């Protein structure tokens, strides 16, 4: 599995674990760690990977910054419009993460098609 497919898998599994933990109302030590990981890294990494940066440190730094920005924007939009709901906020961030992962899949397929045509 290449590095790109690995992150797509991590983002997808992280989204599913957080969604199942929230929907199942699981009381576990793993739940807060999974939620912290998801909110801190996953939404941003889903889009930062599209930039094809070299090196893990710039990717991780930008992913954390973008994740925190996306978390803040989602919370602010919900608060300003009176839509405040934990489940809706989580669903919005999971959706953004999965959209970013899907765009990464599209980017990989596009690159493979481009390479095979040359």
PDB file of N, CA and C in Angstrom:
ATOM      1  N   UNK A   1       0.850  -1.166   0.000  1.00  0.00           N
ATOM      2  CA  UNK A   1       0.000   0.000   0.000  1.00  0.00           C
ATOM      3  C   UNK A   1       0.898   1.231   0.000  1.00  0.00           C
ATOM      4  N   UNK A   2       0.649   2.125  -0.911  1.00  0.00           N
ATOM      5  CA  UNK A   2       1.476   3.321  -0.987  1.00  0.00           C
ATOM      6  C   UNK A   2       1.098   4.297   0.126  1.00  0.00           C
ATOM      7  N   UNK A   3       1.910   5.310   0.257  1.00  0.00           N
ATOM      8  CA  UNK A   3       1.696   6.316   1.292  1.00  0.00           C
ATOM      9  C   UNK A   3       0.340   7.005   1.124  1.00  0.00           C
ATOM     10  N   UNK A   4      -0.063   7.279  -0.107  1.00  0.00           N
ATOM     11  CA  UNK A   4      -1.333   7.953  -0.356  1.00  0.00           C
ATOM     12  C   UNK A   4      -2.516   7.098   0.071  1.00  0.00           C
ATOM     13  N   UNK A   5      -2.510   5.839  -0.301  1.00  0.00           N
ATOM     14  CA  UNK A   5      -3.610   4.948   0.068  1.00  0.00           C
ATOM     15  C   UNK A   5      -3.643   4.736   1.572  1.00  0.00           C
ATOM     16  N   UNK A   6      -2.485   4.765   2.203  1.00  0.00           N
ATOM     17  CA  UNK A   6      -2.426   4.597   3.652  1.00  0.00           C
ATOM     18  C   UNK A   6      -3.173   5.705   4.383  1.00  0.00           C
ATOM     19  N   UNK A   7      -2.951   6.945   3.971  1.00  0.00           N
ATOM     20  CA  UNK A   7      -3.648   8.054   4.622  1.00  0.00           C
ATOM     21  C   UNK A   7      -5.139   8.029   4.335  1.00  0.00           C
ATOM     22  N   UNK A   8      -5.510   7.619   3.139  1.00  0.00           N
ATOM     23  CA  UNK A   8      -6.939   7.512   2.828  1.00  0.00           C
ATOM     24  C   UNK A   8      -7.592   6.500   3.763  1.00  0.00           C
ATOM     25  N   UNK A   9      -6.915   5.382   3.989  1.00  0.00           N
ATOM     26  CA  UNK A   9      -7.439   4.363   4.907  1.00  0.00           C
ATOM     27  C   UNK A   9      -7.509   4.901   6.334  1.00  0.00           C
ATOM     28  N   UNK A  10      -6.471   5.607   6.778  1.00  0.00           N
ATOM     29  CA  UNK A  10      -6.464   6.167   8.137  1.00  0.00           C
ATOM     30  C   UNK A  10      -7.610   7.161   8.316  1.00  0.00           C
ATOM     31  N   UNK A  11      -7.824   8.023   7.337  1.00  0.00           N
ATOM     32  CA  UNK A  11      -8.894   9.016   7.427  1.00  0.00           C
ATOM     33  C   UNK A  11     -10.269   8.357   7.460  1.00  0.00           C
ATOM     34  N   UNK A  12     -10.457   7.347   6.618  1.00  0.00           N
ATOM     35  CA  UNK A  12     -11.743   6.655   6.561  1.00  0.00           C
ATOM     36  C   UNK A  12     -12.020   5.894   7.851  1.00  0.00           C
ATOM     37  N   UNK A  13     -11.035   5.139   8.320  1.00  0.00           N
ATOM     38  CA  UNK A  13     -11.212   4.365   9.555  1.00  0.00           C
ATOM     39  C   UNK A  13     -11.413   5.300  10.747  1.00  0.00           C
ATOM     40  N   UNK A  14     -10.666   6.381  10.812  1.00  0.00           N
ATOM     41  CA  UNK A  14     -10.834   7.340  11.911  1.00  0.00           C
ATOM     42  C   UNK A  14     -12.240   7.928  11.910  1.00  0.00           C
ATOM     43  N   UNK A  15     -12.746   8.259  10.734  1.00  0.00           N
ATOM     44  CA  UNK A  15     -14.109   8.784  10.631  1.00  0.00           C
ATOM     45  C   UNK A  15     -15.131   7.768  11.115  1.00  0.00           C
ATOM     46  N   UNK A  16     -14.950   6.523  10.710  1.00  0.00           N
ATOM     47  CA  UNK A  16     -15.884   5.474  11.127  1.00  0.00           C
ATOM     48  C   UNK A  16     -15.815   5.211  12.627  1.00  0.00           C
ATOM     49  N   UNK A  17     -14.624   5.186  13.182  1.00  0.00           N
ATOM     50  CA  UNK A  17     -14.471   4.939  14.626  1.00  0.00           C
ATOM     51  C   UNK A  17     -15.140   6.048  15.433  1.00  0.00           C
ATOM     52  N   UNK A  18     -14.932   7.294  15.043  1.00  0.00           N
ATOM     53  CA  UNK A  18     -15.537   8.415  15.763  1.00  0.00           C
ATOM     54  C   UNK A  18     -17.056   8.384  15.614  1.00  0.00           C
ATOM     55  N   UNK A  19     -17.547   8.092  14.419  1.00  0.00           N
ATOM     56  CA  UNK A  19     -18.996   8.023  14.210  1.00  0.00           C
ATOM     57  C   UNK A  19     -19.614   6.888  15.023  1.00  0.00           C
ATOM     58  N   UNK A  20     -18.977   5.723  15.020  1.00  0.00           N
ATOM     59  CA  UNK A  20     -19.510   4.594  15.790  1.00  0.00           C
ATOM     60  C   UNK A  20     -19.417   4.865  17.288  1.00  0.00           C
ATOM     61  N   UNK A  21     -18.360   5.506  17.718  1.00  0.00           N
ATOM     62  CA  UNK A  21     -18.230   5.845  19.131  1.00  0.00           C
ATOM     63  C   UNK A  21     -19.297   6.815  19.586  1.00  0.00           C
ATOM     64  N   UNK A  22     -19.654   7.761  18.719  1.00  0.00           N
ATOM     65  CA  UNK A  22     -20.688   8.736  19.062  1.00  0.00           C
ATOM     66  C   UNK A  22     -22.074   8.110  18.986  1.00  0.00           C
ATOM     67  N   UNK A  23     -22.338   7.383  17.906  1.00  0.00           N
ATOM     68  CA  UNK A  23     -23.662   6.780  17.722  1.00  0.00           C
ATOM     69  C   UNK A  23     -23.919   5.668  18.733  1.00  0.00           C
ATOM     70  N   UNK A  24     -22.877   4.903  19.045  1.00  0.00           N
ATOM     71  CA  UNK A  24     -23.032   3.802  19.981  1.00  0.00           C
ATOM     72  C   UNK A  24     -22.961   4.237  21.423  1.00  0.00           C
ATOM     73  N   UNK A  25     -22.644   5.509  21.661  1.00  0.00           N
ATOM     74  CA  UNK A  25     -22.520   6.047  23.008  1.00  0.00           C
ATOM     75  C   UNK A  25     -21.626   5.165  23.872  1.00  0.00           C
ATOM     76  N   UNK A  26     -20.471   4.830  23.310  1.00  0.00           N
ATOM     77  CA  UNK A  26     -19.534   3.945  23.992  1.00  0.00           C
ATOM     78  C   UNK A  26     -18.764   4.691  25.073  1.00  0.00           C
ATOM     79  N   UNK A  27     -18.673   4.085  26.234  1.00  0.00           N
ATOM     80  CA  UNK A  27     -17.844   4.627  27.302  1.00  0.00           C
ATOM     81  C   UNK A  27     -16.558   3.833  27.336  1.00  0.00           C
ATOM     82  N   UNK A  28     -15.522   4.403  26.769  1.00  0.00           N
ATOM     83  CA  UNK A  28     -14.254   3.707  26.663  1.00  0.00           C
ATOM     84  C   UNK A  28     -13.127   4.720  26.750  1.00  0.00           C
ATOM     85  N   UNK A  29     -11.964   4.239  27.117  1.00  0.00           N
ATOM     86  CA  UNK A  29     -10.778   5.095  27.152  1.00  0.00           C
ATOM     87  C   UNK A  29     -10.381   5.498  25.737  1.00  0.00           C
ATOM     88  N   UNK A  30     -10.692   4.659  24.779  1.00  0.00           N
ATOM     89  CA  UNK A  30     -10.307   4.904  23.391  1.00  0.00           C
ATOM     90  C   UNK A  30     -11.116   6.045  22.779  1.00  0.00           C
ATOM     91  N   UNK A  31     -12.350   6.218  23.196  1.00  0.00           N
ATOM     92  CA  UNK A  31     -13.228   7.214  22.583  1.00  0.00           C
ATOM     93  C   UNK A  31     -12.661   8.635  22.648  1.00  0.00           C
ATOM     94  N   UNK A  32     -12.252   9.153  23.819  1.00  0.00           N
ATOM     95  CA  UNK A  32     -11.710  10.522  23.819  1.00  0.00           C
ATOM     96  C   UNK A  32     -10.418  10.658  23.013  1.00  0.00           C
ATOM     97  N   UNK A  33      -9.602   9.615  23.014  1.00  0.00           N
ATOM     98  CA  UNK A  33      -8.371   9.660  22.214  1.00  0.00           C
ATOM     99  C   UNK A  33      -8.689   9.690  20.727  1.00  0.00           C
ATOM    100  N   UNK A  34      -9.660   8.876  20.304  1.00  0.00           N
ATOM    101  CA  UNK A  34     -10.054   8.848  18.894  1.00  0.00           C
ATOM    102  C   UNK A  34     -10.655  10.183  18.467  1.00  0.00           C
ATOM    103  N   UNK A  35     -11.487  10.758  19.327  1.00  0.00           N
ATOM    104  CA  UNK A  35     -12.104  12.049  19.007  1.00  0.00           C
ATOM    105  C   UNK A  35     -11.045  13.147  18.952  1.00  0.00           C
ATOM    106  N   UNK A  36     -10.109  13.151  19.898  1.00  0.00           N
ATOM    107  CA  UNK A  36      -9.028  14.142  19.899  1.00  0.00           C
ATOM    108  C   UNK A  36      -8.201  14.031  18.620  1.00  0.00           C
ATOM    109  N   UNK A  37      -7.814  12.803  18.251  1.00  0.00           N
ATOM    110  CA  UNK A  37      -7.056  12.558  17.022  1.00  0.00           C
ATOM    111  C   UNK A  37      -7.842  13.056  15.817  1.00  0.00           C
ATOM    112  N   UNK A  38      -9.130  12.709  15.777  1.00  0.00           N
ATOM    113  CA  UNK A  38      -9.938  13.077  14.623  1.00  0.00           C
ATOM    114  C   UNK A  38     -10.022  14.596  14.480  1.00  0.00           C
ATOM    115  N   UNK A  39     -10.422  15.295  15.538  1.00  0.00           N
ATOM    116  CA  UNK A  39     -10.582  16.747  15.457  1.00  0.00           C
ATOM    117  C   UNK A  39      -9.266  17.471  15.202  1.00  0.00           C
ATOM    118  N   UNK A  40      -8.168  16.945  15.717  1.00  0.00           N
ATOM    119  CA  UNK A  40      -6.876  17.618  15.598  1.00  0.00           C
ATOM    120  C   UNK A  40      -6.198  17.397  14.248  1.00  0.00           C
ATOM    121  N   UNK A  41      -6.404  16.223  13.624  1.00  0.00           N
ATOM    122  CA  UNK A  41      -5.622  15.881  12.436  1.00  0.00           C
ATOM    123  C   UNK A  41      -6.472  15.608  11.193  1.00  0.00           C
ATOM    124  N   UNK A  42      -7.524  14.848  11.312  1.00  0.00           N
ATOM    125  CA  UNK A  42      -8.183  14.265  10.135  1.00  0.00           C
ATOM    126  C   UNK A  42      -8.795  15.250   9.141  1.00  0.00           C
ATOM    127  N   UNK A  43      -9.641  16.211   9.558  1.00  0.00           N
ATOM    128  CA  UNK A  43     -10.211  17.100   8.533  1.00  0.00           C
ATOM    129  C   UNK A  43      -9.145  17.848   7.734  1.00  0.00           C
ATOM    130  N   UNK A  44      -8.116  18.318   8.403  1.00  0.00           N
ATOM    131  CA  UNK A  44      -7.050  19.040   7.705  1.00  0.00           C
ATOM    132  C   UNK A  44      -6.215  18.147   6.816  1.00  0.00           C
ATOM    133  N   UNK A  45      -5.862  16.964   7.318  1.00  0.00           N
ATOM    134  CA  UNK A  45      -5.027  16.046   6.539  1.00  0.00           C
ATOM    135  C   UNK A  45      -5.746  15.592   5.272  1.00  0.00           C
ATOM    136  N   UNK A  46      -7.064  15.519   5.325  1.00  0.00           N
ATOM    137  CA  UNK A  46      -7.827  15.111   4.147  1.00  0.00           C
ATOM    138  C   UNK A  46      -7.588  16.064   2.977  1.00  0.00           C
ATOM    139  N   UNK A  47      -7.359  17.331   3.277  1.00  0.00           N
ATOM    140  CA  UNK A  47      -7.146  18.310   2.210  1.00  0.00           C
ATOM    141  C   UNK A  47      -5.673  18.649   1.992  1.00  0.00           C
ATOM    142  N   UNK A  48      -4.869  18.606   3.036  1.00  0.00           N
ATOM    143  CA  UNK A  48      -3.436  18.906   2.902  1.00  0.00           C
ATOM    144  C   UNK A  48      -2.757  17.882   2.005  1.00  0.00           C
ATOM    145  N   UNK A  49      -3.193  16.638   2.042  1.00  0.00           N
ATOM    146  CA  UNK A  49      -2.595  15.592   1.205  1.00  0.00           C
ATOM    147  C   UNK A  49      -2.771  15.891  -0.283  1.00  0.00           C
ATOM    148  N   UNK A  50      -3.746  16.706  -0.631  1.00  0.00           N
ATOM    149  CA  UNK A  50      -3.959  17.065  -2.037  1.00  0.00           C
ATOM    150  C   UNK A  50      -2.864  17.991  -2.564  1.00  0.00           C
ATOM    151  N   UNK A  51      -2.116  18.623  -1.669  1.00  0.00           N
ATOM    152  CA  UNK A  51      -1.064  19.560  -2.072  1.00  0.00           C
ATOM    153  C   UNK A  51       0.230  18.876  -2.486  1.00  0.00           C
ATOM    154  N   UNK A  52       0.373  17.579  -2.194  1.00  0.00           N
ATOM    155  CA  UNK A  52       1.579  16.807  -2.528  1.00  0.00           C
ATOM    156  C   UNK A  52       2.851  17.467  -1.995  1.00  0.00           C
ATOM    157  N   UNK A  53       2.831  17.819  -0.733  1.00  0.00           N
ATOM    158  CA  UNK A  53       4.007  18.409  -0.094  1.00  0.00           C
ATOM    159  C   UNK A  53       5.057  17.336   0.152  1.00  0.00           C
ATOM    160  N   UNK A  54       6.304  17.751   0.202  1.00  0.00           N
ATOM    161  CA  UNK A  54       7.366  16.800   0.528  1.00  0.00           C
ATOM    162  C   UNK A  54       7.673  16.911   2.009  1.00  0.00           C
ATOM    163  N   UNK A  55       7.740  15.790   2.665  1.00  0.00           N
ATOM    164  CA  UNK A  55       8.052  15.766   4.085  1.00  0.00           C
ATOM    165  C   UNK A  55       6.816  15.674   4.954  1.00  0.00           C
ATOM    166  N   UNK A  56       6.958  14.931   6.026  1.00  0.00           N
ATOM    167  CA  UNK A  56       5.813  14.705   6.903  1.00  0.00           C
ATOM    168  C   UNK A  56       5.572  15.878   7.848  1.00  0.00           C
ATOM    169  N   UNK A  57       6.616  16.620   8.201  1.00  0.00           N
ATOM    170  CA  UNK A  57       6.450  17.715   9.158  1.00  0.00           C
ATOM    171  C   UNK A  57       5.624  18.875   8.588  1.00  0.00           C
ATOM    172  N   UNK A  58       5.887  19.340   7.369  1.00  0.00           N
ATOM    173  CA  UNK A  58       5.022  20.385   6.814  1.00  0.00           C
ATOM    174  C   UNK A  58       3.576  19.911   6.654  1.00  0.00           C
ATOM    175  N   UNK A  59       3.412  18.643   6.239  1.00  0.00           N
ATOM    176  CA  UNK A  59       2.055  18.106   6.099  1.00  0.00           C
ATOM    177  C   UNK A  59       1.326  18.097   7.431  1.00  0.00           C
ATOM    178  N   UNK A  60       1.984  17.585   8.458  1.00  0.00           N
ATOM    179  CA  UNK A  60       1.348  17.485   9.770  1.00  0.00           C
ATOM    180  C   UNK A  60       1.050  18.865  10.351  1.00  0.00           C
ATOM    181  N   UNK A  61       1.980  19.787  10.186  1.00  0.00           N
ATOM    182  CA  UNK A  61       1.779  21.145  10.702  1.00  0.00           C
ATOM    183  C   UNK A  61       0.584  21.811  10.034  1.00  0.00           C
ATOM    184  N   UNK A  62       0.528  21.740   8.716  1.00  0.00           N
ATOM    185  CA  UNK A  62      -0.602  22.331   7.994  1.00  0.00           C
ATOM    186  C   UNK A  62      -1.902  21.597   8.290  1.00  0.00           C
ATOM    187  N   UNK A  63      -1.834  20.284   8.456  1.00  0.00           N
ATOM    188  CA  UNK A  63      -3.039  19.505   8.746  1.00  0.00           C
ATOM    189  C   UNK A  63      -3.642  19.908  10.086  1.00  0.00           C
ATOM    190  N   UNK A  64      -2.800  20.071  11.093  1.00  0.00           N
ATOM    191  CA  UNK A  64      -3.302  20.484  12.411  1.00  0.00           C
ATOM    192  C   UNK A  64      -3.901  21.887  12.329  1.00  0.00           C
ATOM    193  N   UNK A  65      -3.205  22.804  11.665  1.00  0.00           N
ATOM    194  CA  UNK A  65      -3.713  24.173  11.538  1.00  0.00           C
ATOM    195  C   UNK A  65      -5.035  24.203  10.778  1.00  0.00           C
ATOM    196  N   UNK A  66      -5.108  23.481   9.672  1.00  0.00           N
ATOM    197  CA  UNK A  66      -6.337  23.463   8.885  1.00  0.00           C
ATOM    198  C   UNK A  66      -7.459  22.751   9.628  1.00  0.00           C
ATOM    199  N   UNK A  67      -7.144  21.689  10.352  1.00  0.00           N
ATOM    200  CA  UNK A  67      -8.165  20.990  11.140  1.00  0.00           C
ATOM    201  C   UNK A  67      -8.774  21.915  12.182  1.00  0.00           C
ATOM    202  N   UNK A  68      -7.925  22.627  12.902  1.00  0.00           N
ATOM    203  CA  UNK A  68      -8.435  23.548  13.919  1.00  0.00           C
ATOM    204  C   UNK A  68      -9.259  24.667  13.286  1.00  0.00           C
ATOM    205  N   UNK A  69      -8.837  25.133  12.111  1.00  0.00           N
ATOM    206  CA  UNK A  69      -9.605  26.162  11.406  1.00  0.00           C
ATOM    207  C   UNK A  69     -10.964  25.625  10.965  1.00  0.00           C
ATOM    208  N   UNK A  70     -10.991  24.416  10.406  1.00  0.00           N
ATOM    209  CA  UNK A  70     -12.263  23.824   9.982  1.00  0.00           C
ATOM    210  C   UNK A  70     -13.175  23.556  11.177  1.00  0.00           C
ATOM    211  N   UNK A  71     -12.605  23.054  12.273  1.00  0.00           N
ATOM    212  CA  UNK A  71     -13.391  22.840  13.493  1.00  0.00           C
ATOM    213  C   UNK A  71     -14.043  24.147  13.941  1.00  0.00           C
ATOM    214  N   UNK A  72     -13.262  25.217  13.908  1.00  0.00           N
ATOM    215  CA  UNK A  72     -13.752  26.524  14.350  1.00  0.00           C
ATOM    216  C   UNK A  72     -14.829  27.060  13.417  1.00  0.00           C
ATOM    217  N   UNK A  73     -14.619  26.933  12.115  1.00  0.00           N
ATOM    218  CA  UNK A  73     -15.602  27.429  11.148  1.00  0.00           C
ATOM    219  C   UNK A  73     -16.920  26.674  11.284  1.00  0.00           C
ATOM    220  N   UNK A  74     -16.862  25.359  11.405  1.00  0.00           N
ATOM    221  CA  UNK A  74     -18.091  24.570  11.559  1.00  0.00           C
ATOM    222  C   UNK A  74     -18.822  24.986  12.835  1.00  0.00           C
ATOM    223  N   UNK A  75     -18.095  25.109  13.939  1.00  0.00           N
ATOM    224  CA  UNK A  75     -18.722  25.507  15.204  1.00  0.00           C
ATOM    225  C   UNK A  75     -19.303  26.918  15.120  1.00  0.00           C
ATOM    226  N   UNK A  76     -18.577  27.819  14.475  1.00  0.00           N
ATOM    227  CA  UNK A  76     -19.053  29.199  14.378  1.00  0.00           C
ATOM    228  C   UNK A  76     -20.298  29.306  13.505  1.00  0.00           C
ATOM    229  N   UNK A  77     -20.312  28.615  12.385  1.00  0.00           N
ATOM    230  CA  UNK A  77     -21.491  28.635  11.510  1.00  0.00           C
ATOM    231  C   UNK A  77     -22.706  28.084  12.249  1.00  0.00           C
ATOM    232  N   UNK A  78     -22.504  26.998  12.980  1.00  0.00           N
ATOM    233  CA  UNK A  78     -23.623  26.416  13.727  1.00  0.00           C
ATOM    234  C   UNK A  78     -24.093  27.361  14.830  1.00  0.00           C
ATOM    235  N   UNK A  79     -23.177  27.992  15.547  1.00  0.00           N
ATOM    236  CA  UNK A  79     -23.551  28.881  16.649  1.00  0.00           C
ATOM    237  C   UNK A  79     -24.254  30.142  16.148  1.00  0.00           C
ATOM    238  N   UNK A  80     -23.728  30.738  15.092  1.00  0.00           N
ATOM    239  CA  UNK A  80     -24.304  31.976  14.568  1.00  0.00           C
ATOM    240  C   UNK A  80     -25.710  31.746  14.018  1.00  0.00           C
ATOM    241  N   UNK A  81     -25.925  30.594  13.396  1.00  0.00           N
ATOM    242  CA  UNK A  81     -27.222  30.318  12.788  1.00  0.00           C
ATOM    243  C   UNK A  81     -28.192  29.591  13.714  1.00  0.00           C
ATOM    244  N   UNK A  82     -27.794  29.338  14.946  1.00  0.00           N
ATOM    245  CA  UNK A  82     -28.680  28.677  15.897  1.00  0.00           C
ATOM    246  C   UNK A  82     -28.887  27.201  15.617  1.00  0.00           C
ATOM    247  N   UNK A  83     -27.922  26.583  14.964  1.00  0.00           N
ATOM    248  CA  UNK A  83     -28.027  25.157  14.626  1.00  0.00           C
ATOM    249  C   UNK A  83     -27.186  24.299  15.556  1.00  0.00           C
ATOM    250  N   UNK A  84     -26.846  24.788  16.735  1.00  0.00           N
ATOM    251  CA  UNK A  84     -25.880  24.107  17.589  1.00  0.00           C
ATOM    252  C   UNK A  84     -26.332  22.699  17.928  1.00  0.00           C
ATOM    253  N   UNK A  85     -25.525  21.741  17.521  1.00  0.00           N
ATOM    254  CA  UNK A  85     -25.795  20.328  17.783  1.00  0.00           C
ATOM    255  C   UNK A  85     -24.470  19.583  17.681  1.00  0.00           C
ATOM    256  N   UNK A  86     -24.157  18.811  18.712  1.00  0.00           N
ATOM    257  CA  UNK A  86     -22.910  18.050  18.682  1.00  0.00           C
ATOM    258  C   UNK A  86     -22.891  17.057  17.532  1.00  0.00           C
ATOM    259  N   UNK A  87     -24.012  16.378  17.332  1.00  0.00           N
ATOM    260  CA  UNK A  87     -24.050  15.371  16.268  1.00  0.00           C
ATOM    261  C   UNK A  87     -23.950  16.015  14.889  1.00  0.00           C
ATOM    262  N   UNK A  88     -24.575  17.178  14.699  1.00  0.00           N
ATOM    263  CA  UNK A  88     -24.491  17.855  13.398  1.00  0.00           C
ATOM    264  C   UNK A  88     -23.073  18.350  13.126  1.00  0.00           C
ATOM    265  N   UNK A  89     -22.412  18.876  14.142  1.00  0.00           N
ATOM    266  CA  UNK A  89     -21.030  19.327  13.974  1.00  0.00           C
ATOM    267  C   UNK A  89     -20.097  18.182  13.640  1.00  0.00           C
ATOM    268  N   UNK A  90     -20.264  17.078  14.356  1.00  0.00           N
ATOM    269  CA  UNK A  90     -19.443  15.902  14.082  1.00  0.00           C
ATOM    270  C   UNK A  90     -19.716  15.374  12.680  1.00  0.00           C
ATOM    271  N   UNK A  91     -20.989  15.323  12.297  1.00  0.00           N
ATOM    272  CA  UNK A  91     -21.343  14.855  10.955  1.00  0.00           C
ATOM    273  C   UNK A  91     -20.742  15.761   9.879  1.00  0.00           C
ATOM    274  N   UNK A  92     -20.751  17.063  10.110  1.00  0.00           N
ATOM    275  CA  UNK A  92     -20.167  17.996   9.135  1.00  0.00           C
ATOM    276  C   UNK A  92     -18.670  17.750   8.975  1.00  0.00           C
ATOM    277  N   UNK A  93     -17.962  17.546  10.081  1.00  0.00           N
ATOM    278  CA  UNK A  93     -16.517  17.314  10.000  1.00  0.00           C
ATOM    279  C   UNK A  93     -16.196  15.947   9.401  1.00  0.00           C
ATOM    280  N   UNK A  94     -17.000  14.941   9.716  1.00  0.00           N
ATOM    281  CA  UNK A  94     -16.808  13.622   9.099  1.00  0.00           C
ATOM    282  C   UNK A  94     -17.040  13.723   7.599  1.00  0.00           C
ATOM    283  N   UNK A  95     -18.080  14.458   7.202  1.00  0.00           N
ATOM    284  CA  UNK A  95     -18.374  14.630   5.775  1.00  0.00           C
ATOM    285  C   UNK A  95     -17.226  15.343   5.065  1.00  0.00           C
ATOM    286  N   UNK A  96     -16.710  16.405   5.659  1.00  0.00           N
ATOM    287  CA  UNK A  96     -15.570  17.110   5.058  1.00  0.00           C
ATOM    288  C   UNK A  96     -14.358  16.196   4.927  1.00  0.00           C
ATOM    289  N   UNK A  97     -14.112  15.389   5.953  1.00  0.00           N
ATOM    290  CA  UNK A  97     -12.971  14.468   5.918  1.00  0.00           C
ATOM    291  C   UNK A  97     -13.134  13.442   4.811  1.00  0.00           C
ATOM    292  N   UNK A  98     -14.326  12.882   4.682  1.00  0.00           N
ATOM    293  CA  UNK A  98     -14.548  11.866   3.650  1.00  0.00           C
ATOM    294  C   UNK A  98     -14.543  12.470   2.246  1.00  0.00           C
ATOM    295  N   UNK A  99     -14.987  13.712   2.111  1.00  0.00           N
ATOM    296  CA  UNK A  99     -14.891  14.395   0.814  1.00  0.00           C
ATOM    297  C   UNK A  99     -13.418  14.584   0.439  1.00  0.00           C
ATOM    298  N   UNK A 100     -12.604  15.010   1.397  1.00  0.00           N
ATOM    299  CA  UNK A 100     -11.170  15.151   1.143  1.00  0.00           C
ATOM    300  C   UNK A 100     -10.521  13.830   0.774  1.00  0.00           C
ATOM    301  N   UNK A 101     -10.915  12.748   1.464  1.00  0.00           N
ATOM    302  CA  UNK A 101     -10.375  11.421   1.141  1.00  0.00           C
ATOM    303  C   UNK A 101     -10.805  10.990  -0.260  1.00  0.00           C
ATOM    304  N   UNK A 102     -12.055  11.280  -0.622  1.00  0.00           N
ATOM    305  CA  UNK A 102     -12.537  10.937  -1.963  1.00  0.00           C
ATOM    306  C   UNK A 102     -11.787  11.732  -3.031  1.00  0.00           C
ATOM    307  N   UNK A 103     -11.493  12.987  -2.750  1.00  0.00           N
ATOM    308  CA  UNK A 103     -10.703  13.785  -3.693  1.00  0.00           C
ATOM    309  C   UNK A 103      -9.296  13.219  -3.846  1.00  0.00           C
ATOM    310  N   UNK A 104      -8.734  12.686  -2.766  1.00  0.00           N
ATOM    311  CA  UNK A 104      -7.420  12.045  -2.850  1.00  0.00           C
ATOM    312  C   UNK A 104      -7.477  10.809  -3.741  1.00  0.00           C
ATOM    313  N   UNK A 105      -8.561  10.029  -3.623  1.00  0.00           N
ATOM    314  CA  UNK A 105      -8.729   8.856  -4.494  1.00  0.00           C
ATOM    315  C   UNK A 105      -8.794   9.313  -5.945  1.00  0.00           C
ATOM    316  N   UNK A 106      -9.574  10.360  -6.208  1.00  0.00           N
ATOM    317  CA  UNK A 106      -9.660  10.894  -7.561  1.00  0.00           C
ATOM    318  C   UNK A 106      -8.322  11.383  -8.075  1.00  0.00           C
ATOM    319  N   UNK A 107      -7.541  12.010  -7.215  1.00  0.00           N
ATOM    320  CA  UNK A 107      -6.213  12.489  -7.605  1.00  0.00           C
ATOM    321  C   UNK A 107      -5.292  11.320  -7.959  1.00  0.00           C
ATOM    322  N   UNK A 108      -5.340  10.250  -7.179  1.00  0.00           N
ATOM    323  CA  UNK A 108      -4.513   9.069  -7.458  1.00  0.00           C
ATOM    324  C   UNK A 108      -4.919   8.439  -8.784  1.00  0.00           C
ATOM    325  N   UNK A 109      -6.211   8.298  -9.002  1.00  0.00           N
ATOM    326  CA  UNK A 109      -6.694   7.706 -10.257  1.00  0.00           C
ATOM    327  C   UNK A 109      -6.289   8.583 -11.436  1.00  0.00           C
ATOM    328  N   UNK A 110      -6.438   9.899 -11.293  1.00  0.00           N
ATOM    329  CA  UNK A 110      -6.053  10.824 -12.356  1.00  0.00           C
ATOM    330  C   UNK A 110      -4.564  10.701 -12.678  1.00  0.00           C
ATOM    331  N   UNK A 111      -3.734  10.626 -11.642  1.00  0.00           N
ATOM    332  CA  UNK A 111      -2.293  10.500 -11.853  1.00  0.00           C
ATOM    333  C   UNK A 111      -1.950   9.178 -12.530  1.00  0.00           C
ATOM    334  N   UNK A 112      -2.626   8.098 -12.146  1.00  0.00           N
ATOM    335  CA  UNK A 112      -2.362   6.800 -12.763  1.00  0.00           C
ATOM    336  C   UNK A 112      -2.804   6.786 -14.221  1.00  0.00           C
ATOM    337  N   UNK A 113      -3.925   7.419 -14.525  1.00  0.00           N
ATOM    338  CA  UNK A 113      -4.374   7.502 -15.915  1.00  0.00           C
ATOM    339  C   UNK A 113      -3.411   8.347 -16.739  1.00  0.00           C
ATOM    340  N   UNK A 114      -2.940   9.429 -16.151  1.00  0.00           N
ATOM    341  CA  UNK A 114      -2.013  10.312 -16.854  1.00  0.00           C
ATOM    342  C   UNK A 114      -0.689   9.601 -17.127  1.00  0.00           C
ATOM    343  N   UNK A 115      -0.196   8.838 -16.164  1.00  0.00           N
ATOM    344  CA  UNK A 115       1.065   8.112 -16.333  1.00  0.00           C
ATOM    345  C   UNK A 115       0.908   7.011 -17.372  1.00  0.00           C
ATOM    346  N   UNK A 116      -0.235   6.317 -17.374  1.00  0.00           N
ATOM    347  CA  UNK A 116      -0.422   5.209 -18.310  1.00  0.00           C
ATOM    348  C   UNK A 116      -0.587   5.697 -19.750  1.00  0.00           C
ATOM    349  N   UNK A 117      -0.995   6.955 -19.935  1.00  0.00           N
ATOM    350  CA  UNK A 117      -1.168   7.485 -21.285  1.00  0.00           C
ATOM    351  C   UNK A 117       0.134   8.026 -21.868  1.00  0.00           C
ATOM    352  N   UNK A 118       1.134   8.231 -21.038  1.00  0.00           N
ATOM    353  CA  UNK A 118       2.395   8.773 -21.563  1.00  0.00           C
ATOM    354  C   UNK A 118       3.383   7.685 -21.865  1.00  0.00           C
TER     355      UNK A 118
END
